[in-house]
Amino acid sequence: MRKKEKDPNLIAKIEQAIEKKYGKDAVLHPKNNWDEKKEQEYLKQAEEVRKKDRVKKEKTEKIEKDGFLISKKLLTKRSNRTCPVCETYSFSIKDDVYMNKYNCCFKCYIDYVEGREERWESGWRPNQGEE
């Protein structure tokens, strides 16, 4: 039995068939229509895509804090959502008011500040045993 001989013109025949079916542009080398202007435009577009990807990644980046994954964006915000007295994390708008004025949550305000504002303003804070 004789081995099949390779046809040296096979690639040319395939290219001709592709050209016949899809047109001349289908078999042209990609660099044929490429010039310096197109290269610069491509590089500019690629840089814009990289910038958008970086921004998107920064917005969605997660950091582990106390065993939980939290969006990095939340941790870099200026407002502190954790009460320094009881260390409770809160989304309550009511707590925001007391955090801004007394640097504690509403619960700690009721427990330690209400009626004793002067003592609180002078710097007194409850010890861990007092809670």
N, C-alpha and C. Protein backbone atom coordinates (compact mmCIF):
# COMPACT_ATOMS: atom_id res chain seq x y z
N MET A 1 0.84 -1.17 0.00
CA MET A 1 0.00 0.00 0.00
C MET A 1 0.89 1.24 0.00
N ARG A 2 0.56 2.15 -0.80
CA ARG A 2 1.35 3.35 -0.98
C ARG A 2 0.82 4.50 -0.12
N LYS A 3 1.73 5.29 0.51
CA LYS A 3 1.32 6.43 1.34
C LYS A 3 0.72 7.50 0.44
N LYS A 4 -0.25 8.21 1.02
CA LYS A 4 -0.84 9.33 0.29
C LYS A 4 0.18 10.45 0.17
N GLU A 5 0.33 10.96 -0.99
CA GLU A 5 1.26 12.07 -1.19
C GLU A 5 0.55 13.37 -0.88
N LYS A 6 1.30 14.28 -0.24
CA LYS A 6 0.74 15.58 0.09
C LYS A 6 0.71 16.45 -1.16
N ASP A 7 -0.38 17.14 -1.32
CA ASP A 7 -0.51 18.04 -2.46
C ASP A 7 0.14 19.37 -2.09
N PRO A 8 1.21 19.78 -2.78
CA PRO A 8 1.89 21.04 -2.45
C PRO A 8 1.02 22.26 -2.75
N ASN A 9 -0.01 22.11 -3.53
CA ASN A 9 -0.87 23.25 -3.89
C ASN A 9 -2.17 23.27 -3.09
N LEU A 10 -2.25 22.45 -2.05
CA LEU A 10 -3.48 22.35 -1.27
C LEU A 10 -3.86 23.69 -0.64
N ILE A 11 -2.90 24.38 -0.03
CA ILE A 11 -3.19 25.66 0.62
C ILE A 11 -3.67 26.68 -0.40
N ALA A 12 -3.03 26.71 -1.55
CA ALA A 12 -3.44 27.64 -2.61
C ALA A 12 -4.86 27.34 -3.07
N LYS A 13 -5.20 26.07 -3.19
CA LYS A 13 -6.55 25.69 -3.61
C LYS A 13 -7.59 26.10 -2.56
N ILE A 14 -7.24 25.91 -1.30
CA ILE A 14 -8.16 26.30 -0.22
C ILE A 14 -8.37 27.81 -0.24
N GLU A 15 -7.29 28.57 -0.38
CA GLU A 15 -7.40 30.04 -0.42
C GLU A 15 -8.24 30.47 -1.60
N GLN A 16 -8.07 29.84 -2.74
CA GLN A 16 -8.87 30.20 -3.92
C GLN A 16 -10.35 29.90 -3.68
N ALA A 17 -10.65 28.80 -3.02
CA ALA A 17 -12.04 28.45 -2.74
C ALA A 17 -12.65 29.46 -1.76
N ILE A 18 -11.87 29.85 -0.75
CA ILE A 18 -12.35 30.85 0.22
C ILE A 18 -12.59 32.19 -0.48
N GLU A 19 -11.63 32.58 -1.35
CA GLU A 19 -11.76 33.85 -2.07
C GLU A 19 -12.98 33.84 -2.97
N LYS A 20 -13.22 32.73 -3.61
CA LYS A 20 -14.36 32.62 -4.52
C LYS A 20 -15.67 32.74 -3.74
N LYS A 21 -15.73 32.11 -2.56
CA LYS A 21 -16.96 32.11 -1.77
C LYS A 21 -17.17 33.42 -0.99
N TYR A 22 -16.08 33.96 -0.36
CA TYR A 22 -16.23 35.10 0.55
C TYR A 22 -15.63 36.41 0.04
N GLY A 23 -14.89 36.39 -1.04
CA GLY A 23 -14.30 37.61 -1.57
C GLY A 23 -12.82 37.71 -1.25
N LYS A 24 -12.18 38.66 -1.94
CA LYS A 24 -10.73 38.81 -1.83
C LYS A 24 -10.26 39.20 -0.43
N ASP A 25 -11.06 40.01 0.27
CA ASP A 25 -10.66 40.46 1.61
C ASP A 25 -10.52 39.31 2.60
N ALA A 26 -11.21 38.20 2.35
CA ALA A 26 -11.18 37.07 3.28
C ALA A 26 -9.82 36.37 3.31
N VAL A 27 -9.04 36.51 2.27
CA VAL A 27 -7.75 35.80 2.22
C VAL A 27 -6.56 36.73 2.34
N LEU A 28 -6.80 38.04 2.48
CA LEU A 28 -5.69 38.98 2.63
C LEU A 28 -5.06 38.85 4.01
N HIS A 29 -3.78 39.08 4.09
CA HIS A 29 -3.07 39.09 5.36
C HIS A 29 -3.52 40.32 6.16
N PRO A 30 -3.74 40.20 7.47
CA PRO A 30 -4.23 41.34 8.26
C PRO A 30 -3.35 42.59 8.19
N LYS A 31 -2.06 42.42 7.99
CA LYS A 31 -1.16 43.58 7.95
C LYS A 31 -1.23 44.34 6.62
N ASN A 32 -1.89 43.80 5.61
CA ASN A 32 -1.96 44.47 4.32
C ASN A 32 -2.58 45.86 4.40
N ASN A 33 -3.63 46.01 5.20
CA ASN A 33 -4.32 47.30 5.30
C ASN A 33 -3.97 48.05 6.59
N TRP A 34 -2.91 47.64 7.25
CA TRP A 34 -2.52 48.23 8.53
C TRP A 34 -1.45 49.27 8.30
N ASP A 35 -1.61 50.44 8.92
CA ASP A 35 -0.59 51.48 8.80
C ASP A 35 -0.35 52.10 10.18
N GLU A 36 0.54 53.06 10.25
CA GLU A 36 0.92 53.67 11.53
C GLU A 36 -0.27 54.37 12.20
N LYS A 37 -1.11 55.01 11.40
CA LYS A 37 -2.28 55.71 11.96
C LYS A 37 -3.23 54.71 12.63
N LYS A 38 -3.48 53.60 11.98
CA LYS A 38 -4.35 52.57 12.56
C LYS A 38 -3.72 51.97 13.82
N GLU A 39 -2.40 51.83 13.80
CA GLU A 39 -1.69 51.29 14.97
C GLU A 39 -1.86 52.21 16.18
N GLN A 40 -1.70 53.53 15.97
CA GLN A 40 -1.85 54.50 17.05
C GLN A 40 -3.28 54.52 17.58
N GLU A 41 -4.24 54.43 16.67
CA GLU A 41 -5.64 54.41 17.07
C GLU A 41 -5.94 53.16 17.90
N TYR A 42 -5.40 52.03 17.46
CA TYR A 42 -5.59 50.77 18.19
C TYR A 42 -4.98 50.86 19.59
N LEU A 43 -3.76 51.40 19.69
CA LEU A 43 -3.10 51.53 20.99
C LEU A 43 -3.89 52.45 21.93
N LYS A 44 -4.45 53.51 21.37
CA LYS A 44 -5.25 54.44 22.17
C LYS A 44 -6.51 53.74 22.69
N GLN A 45 -7.18 52.99 21.83
CA GLN A 45 -8.38 52.27 22.24
C GLN A 45 -8.05 51.21 23.29
N ALA A 46 -6.92 50.52 23.11
CA ALA A 46 -6.52 49.48 24.07
C ALA A 46 -6.25 50.11 25.45
N GLU A 47 -5.64 51.28 25.48
CA GLU A 47 -5.36 51.96 26.75
C GLU A 47 -6.67 52.38 27.43
N GLU A 48 -7.65 52.85 26.65
CA GLU A 48 -8.94 53.23 27.22
C GLU A 48 -9.64 52.02 27.84
N VAL A 49 -9.56 50.88 27.17
CA VAL A 49 -10.16 49.66 27.68
C VAL A 49 -9.48 49.25 28.99
N ARG A 50 -8.15 49.36 29.05
CA ARG A 50 -7.43 49.01 30.27
C ARG A 50 -7.83 49.94 31.42
N LYS A 51 -7.99 51.23 31.13
CA LYS A 51 -8.40 52.17 32.17
C LYS A 51 -9.78 51.82 32.71
N LYS A 52 -10.72 51.51 31.81
CA LYS A 52 -12.06 51.15 32.23
C LYS A 52 -12.04 49.88 33.07
N ASP A 53 -11.22 48.92 32.67
CA ASP A 53 -11.10 47.68 33.43
C ASP A 53 -10.54 47.93 34.83
N ARG A 54 -9.53 48.82 34.93
CA ARG A 54 -8.96 49.14 36.24
C ARG A 54 -10.01 49.78 37.15
N VAL A 55 -10.76 50.74 36.59
CA VAL A 55 -11.79 51.43 37.38
C VAL A 55 -12.85 50.43 37.84
N LYS A 56 -13.27 49.56 36.94
CA LYS A 56 -14.28 48.55 37.28
C LYS A 56 -13.75 47.60 38.36
N LYS A 57 -12.49 47.21 38.24
CA LYS A 57 -11.90 46.31 39.21
C LYS A 57 -11.82 46.98 40.59
N GLU A 58 -11.43 48.26 40.61
CA GLU A 58 -11.34 48.99 41.88
C GLU A 58 -12.70 49.10 42.54
N LYS A 59 -13.75 49.31 41.73
CA LYS A 59 -15.09 49.44 42.29
C LYS A 59 -15.61 48.13 42.88
N THR A 60 -15.20 47.03 42.29
CA THR A 60 -15.73 45.74 42.73
C THR A 60 -14.76 44.96 43.61
N GLU A 61 -13.60 45.53 43.89
CA GLU A 61 -12.60 44.81 44.70
C GLU A 61 -13.10 44.59 46.12
N LYS A 62 -12.90 43.39 46.62
CA LYS A 62 -13.34 43.02 47.96
C LYS A 62 -12.14 42.83 48.87
N ILE A 63 -12.31 43.20 50.15
CA ILE A 63 -11.26 43.05 51.16
C ILE A 63 -11.86 42.26 52.32
N GLU A 64 -11.07 41.36 52.88
CA GLU A 64 -11.55 40.58 54.03
C GLU A 64 -11.36 41.40 55.30
N LYS A 65 -12.44 41.55 56.04
CA LYS A 65 -12.40 42.28 57.31
C LYS A 65 -13.26 41.53 58.30
N ASP A 66 -12.65 41.09 59.36
CA ASP A 66 -13.34 40.35 60.42
C ASP A 66 -14.06 39.11 59.88
N GLY A 67 -13.44 38.45 58.92
CA GLY A 67 -14.00 37.20 58.38
C GLY A 67 -15.04 37.40 57.30
N PHE A 68 -15.28 38.64 56.88
CA PHE A 68 -16.26 38.92 55.84
C PHE A 68 -15.59 39.63 54.68
N LEU A 69 -16.08 39.39 53.47
CA LEU A 69 -15.60 40.13 52.31
C LEU A 69 -16.45 41.39 52.17
N ILE A 70 -15.78 42.53 52.20
CA ILE A 70 -16.46 43.82 52.12
C ILE A 70 -15.89 44.57 50.94
N SER A 71 -16.74 45.28 50.23
CA SER A 71 -16.30 46.08 49.10
C SER A 71 -15.29 47.12 49.58
N LYS A 72 -14.19 47.24 48.88
CA LYS A 72 -13.15 48.21 49.24
C LYS A 72 -13.73 49.62 49.21
N LYS A 73 -14.68 49.84 48.32
CA LYS A 73 -15.31 51.15 48.19
C LYS A 73 -15.99 51.55 49.50
N LEU A 74 -16.58 50.60 50.20
CA LEU A 74 -17.24 50.91 51.47
C LEU A 74 -16.25 51.30 52.55
N LEU A 75 -15.07 50.67 52.53
CA LEU A 75 -14.08 50.94 53.57
C LEU A 75 -13.38 52.27 53.39
N THR A 76 -13.38 52.81 52.18
CA THR A 76 -12.68 54.06 51.95
C THR A 76 -13.58 55.28 52.08
N LYS A 77 -14.87 55.06 52.36
CA LYS A 77 -15.76 56.20 52.56
C LYS A 77 -15.39 56.91 53.85
N ARG A 78 -15.67 58.19 53.89
CA ARG A 78 -15.32 58.99 55.06
C ARG A 78 -16.18 58.66 56.28
N SER A 79 -17.46 58.40 56.07
CA SER A 79 -18.33 58.17 57.22
C SER A 79 -17.98 56.86 57.89
N ASN A 80 -17.89 56.94 59.20
CA ASN A 80 -17.59 55.75 59.99
C ASN A 80 -18.91 55.15 60.44
N ARG A 81 -19.16 53.91 60.09
CA ARG A 81 -20.43 53.28 60.40
C ARG A 81 -20.33 52.38 61.64
N THR A 82 -19.17 52.33 62.27
CA THR A 82 -18.99 51.49 63.45
C THR A 82 -18.91 52.37 64.69
N CYS A 83 -19.72 52.04 65.68
CA CYS A 83 -19.72 52.79 66.93
C CYS A 83 -18.43 52.50 67.68
N PRO A 84 -17.66 53.54 68.06
CA PRO A 84 -16.42 53.31 68.79
C PRO A 84 -16.63 52.80 70.22
N VAL A 85 -17.82 52.93 70.75
CA VAL A 85 -18.09 52.50 72.12
C VAL A 85 -18.44 51.01 72.15
N CYS A 86 -19.45 50.60 71.37
CA CYS A 86 -19.90 49.20 71.41
C CYS A 86 -19.43 48.40 70.20
N GLU A 87 -18.78 49.06 69.26
CA GLU A 87 -18.24 48.44 68.04
C GLU A 87 -19.30 47.75 67.20
N THR A 88 -20.52 48.26 67.21
CA THR A 88 -21.61 47.75 66.39
C THR A 88 -21.61 48.49 65.06
N TYR A 89 -21.80 47.74 63.98
CA TYR A 89 -21.88 48.33 62.64
C TYR A 89 -23.34 48.61 62.34
N SER A 90 -23.65 49.81 61.84
CA SER A 90 -25.05 50.17 61.64
C SER A 90 -25.26 50.91 60.33
N PHE A 91 -26.42 50.65 59.71
CA PHE A 91 -26.84 51.39 58.53
C PHE A 91 -27.95 52.38 58.88
N SER A 92 -28.33 52.46 60.14
CA SER A 92 -29.46 53.28 60.56
C SER A 92 -29.15 54.78 60.42
N ILE A 93 -30.11 55.50 59.88
CA ILE A 93 -29.97 56.96 59.75
C ILE A 93 -29.97 57.60 61.13
N LYS A 94 -30.73 57.01 62.05
CA LYS A 94 -30.79 57.52 63.42
C LYS A 94 -29.39 57.48 64.05
N ASP A 95 -28.66 56.39 63.80
CA ASP A 95 -27.30 56.28 64.34
C ASP A 95 -26.37 57.34 63.73
N ASP A 96 -26.60 57.69 62.47
CA ASP A 96 -25.77 58.70 61.82
C ASP A 96 -25.81 60.02 62.58
N VAL A 97 -26.99 60.40 63.03
CA VAL A 97 -27.15 61.66 63.76
C VAL A 97 -26.31 61.65 65.03
N TYR A 98 -26.40 60.58 65.78
CA TYR A 98 -25.67 60.50 67.06
C TYR A 98 -24.17 60.29 66.84
N MET A 99 -23.81 59.60 65.74
CA MET A 99 -22.38 59.44 65.42
C MET A 99 -21.76 60.81 65.12
N ASN A 100 -22.49 61.65 64.40
CA ASN A 100 -21.96 62.97 64.06
C ASN A 100 -21.85 63.88 65.28
N LYS A 101 -22.85 63.82 66.17
CA LYS A 101 -22.86 64.73 67.30
C LYS A 101 -22.10 64.22 68.52
N TYR A 102 -22.28 62.92 68.85
CA TYR A 102 -21.68 62.38 70.07
C TYR A 102 -20.64 61.29 69.84
N ASN A 103 -20.40 60.93 68.61
CA ASN A 103 -19.43 59.89 68.26
C ASN A 103 -19.79 58.54 68.90
N CYS A 104 -21.08 58.23 68.87
CA CYS A 104 -21.58 56.93 69.34
C CYS A 104 -22.91 56.65 68.66
N CYS A 105 -23.37 55.40 68.73
CA CYS A 105 -24.65 55.03 68.12
C CYS A 105 -25.81 55.46 69.02
N PHE A 106 -27.03 55.30 68.53
CA PHE A 106 -28.22 55.68 69.29
C PHE A 106 -28.32 54.91 70.60
N LYS A 107 -28.04 53.60 70.55
CA LYS A 107 -28.13 52.77 71.76
C LYS A 107 -27.15 53.26 72.82
N CYS A 108 -25.91 53.54 72.42
CA CYS A 108 -24.92 54.03 73.38
C CYS A 108 -25.29 55.43 73.88
N TYR A 109 -25.92 56.22 73.04
CA TYR A 109 -26.38 57.54 73.47
C TYR A 109 -27.39 57.38 74.61
N ILE A 110 -28.35 56.48 74.41
CA ILE A 110 -29.37 56.25 75.44
C ILE A 110 -28.72 55.71 76.72
N ASP A 111 -27.80 54.74 76.58
CA ASP A 111 -27.18 54.09 77.74
C ASP A 111 -26.20 54.98 78.50
N TYR A 112 -25.41 55.81 77.78
CA TYR A 112 -24.29 56.50 78.43
C TYR A 112 -24.33 58.02 78.36
N VAL A 113 -25.01 58.59 77.35
CA VAL A 113 -24.89 60.04 77.14
C VAL A 113 -26.11 60.80 77.62
N GLU A 114 -27.29 60.31 77.32
CA GLU A 114 -28.51 61.05 77.60
C GLU A 114 -28.57 61.47 79.07
N GLY A 115 -28.73 62.77 79.30
CA GLY A 115 -28.76 63.32 80.66
C GLY A 115 -27.37 63.56 81.24
N ARG A 116 -26.33 63.11 80.58
CA ARG A 116 -24.95 63.29 81.07
C ARG A 116 -24.06 63.85 79.95
N GLU A 117 -24.63 64.73 79.14
CA GLU A 117 -23.92 65.26 77.97
C GLU A 117 -22.62 65.96 78.35
N GLU A 118 -22.63 66.72 79.48
CA GLU A 118 -21.41 67.45 79.88
C GLU A 118 -20.28 66.47 80.18
N ARG A 119 -20.58 65.40 80.90
CA ARG A 119 -19.55 64.40 81.21
C ARG A 119 -19.03 63.77 79.92
N TRP A 120 -19.92 63.48 78.99
CA TRP A 120 -19.51 62.88 77.71
C TRP A 120 -18.63 63.84 76.92
N GLU A 121 -19.04 65.12 76.87
CA GLU A 121 -18.27 66.13 76.13
C GLU A 121 -16.89 66.35 76.75
N SER A 122 -16.76 66.11 78.05
CA SER A 122 -15.46 66.31 78.71
C SER A 122 -14.50 65.14 78.43
N GLY A 123 -15.02 64.07 77.77
CA GLY A 123 -14.12 62.98 77.38
C GLY A 123 -14.38 61.66 78.06
N TRP A 124 -15.34 61.60 78.99
CA TRP A 124 -15.63 60.33 79.67
C TRP A 124 -16.20 59.32 78.67
N ARG A 125 -15.72 58.08 78.79
CA ARG A 125 -16.25 56.97 77.99
C ARG A 125 -16.36 55.76 78.90
N PRO A 126 -17.34 54.88 78.65
CA PRO A 126 -17.52 53.72 79.52
C PRO A 126 -16.37 52.73 79.34
N ASN A 127 -15.99 52.08 80.44
CA ASN A 127 -14.99 51.00 80.36
C ASN A 127 -15.69 49.76 79.85
N GLN A 128 -14.93 48.79 79.44
CA GLN A 128 -15.51 47.55 78.93
C GLN A 128 -16.38 46.88 79.99
N GLY A 129 -16.04 46.97 81.25
CA GLY A 129 -16.81 46.35 82.31
C GLY A 129 -18.13 47.04 82.59
N GLU A 130 -18.25 48.30 82.24
CA GLU A 130 -19.46 49.07 82.52
C GLU A 130 -20.59 48.79 81.56
N GLU A 131 -20.27 48.26 80.40
CA GLU A 131 -21.32 48.03 79.39
C GLU A 131 -22.20 46.98 79.86
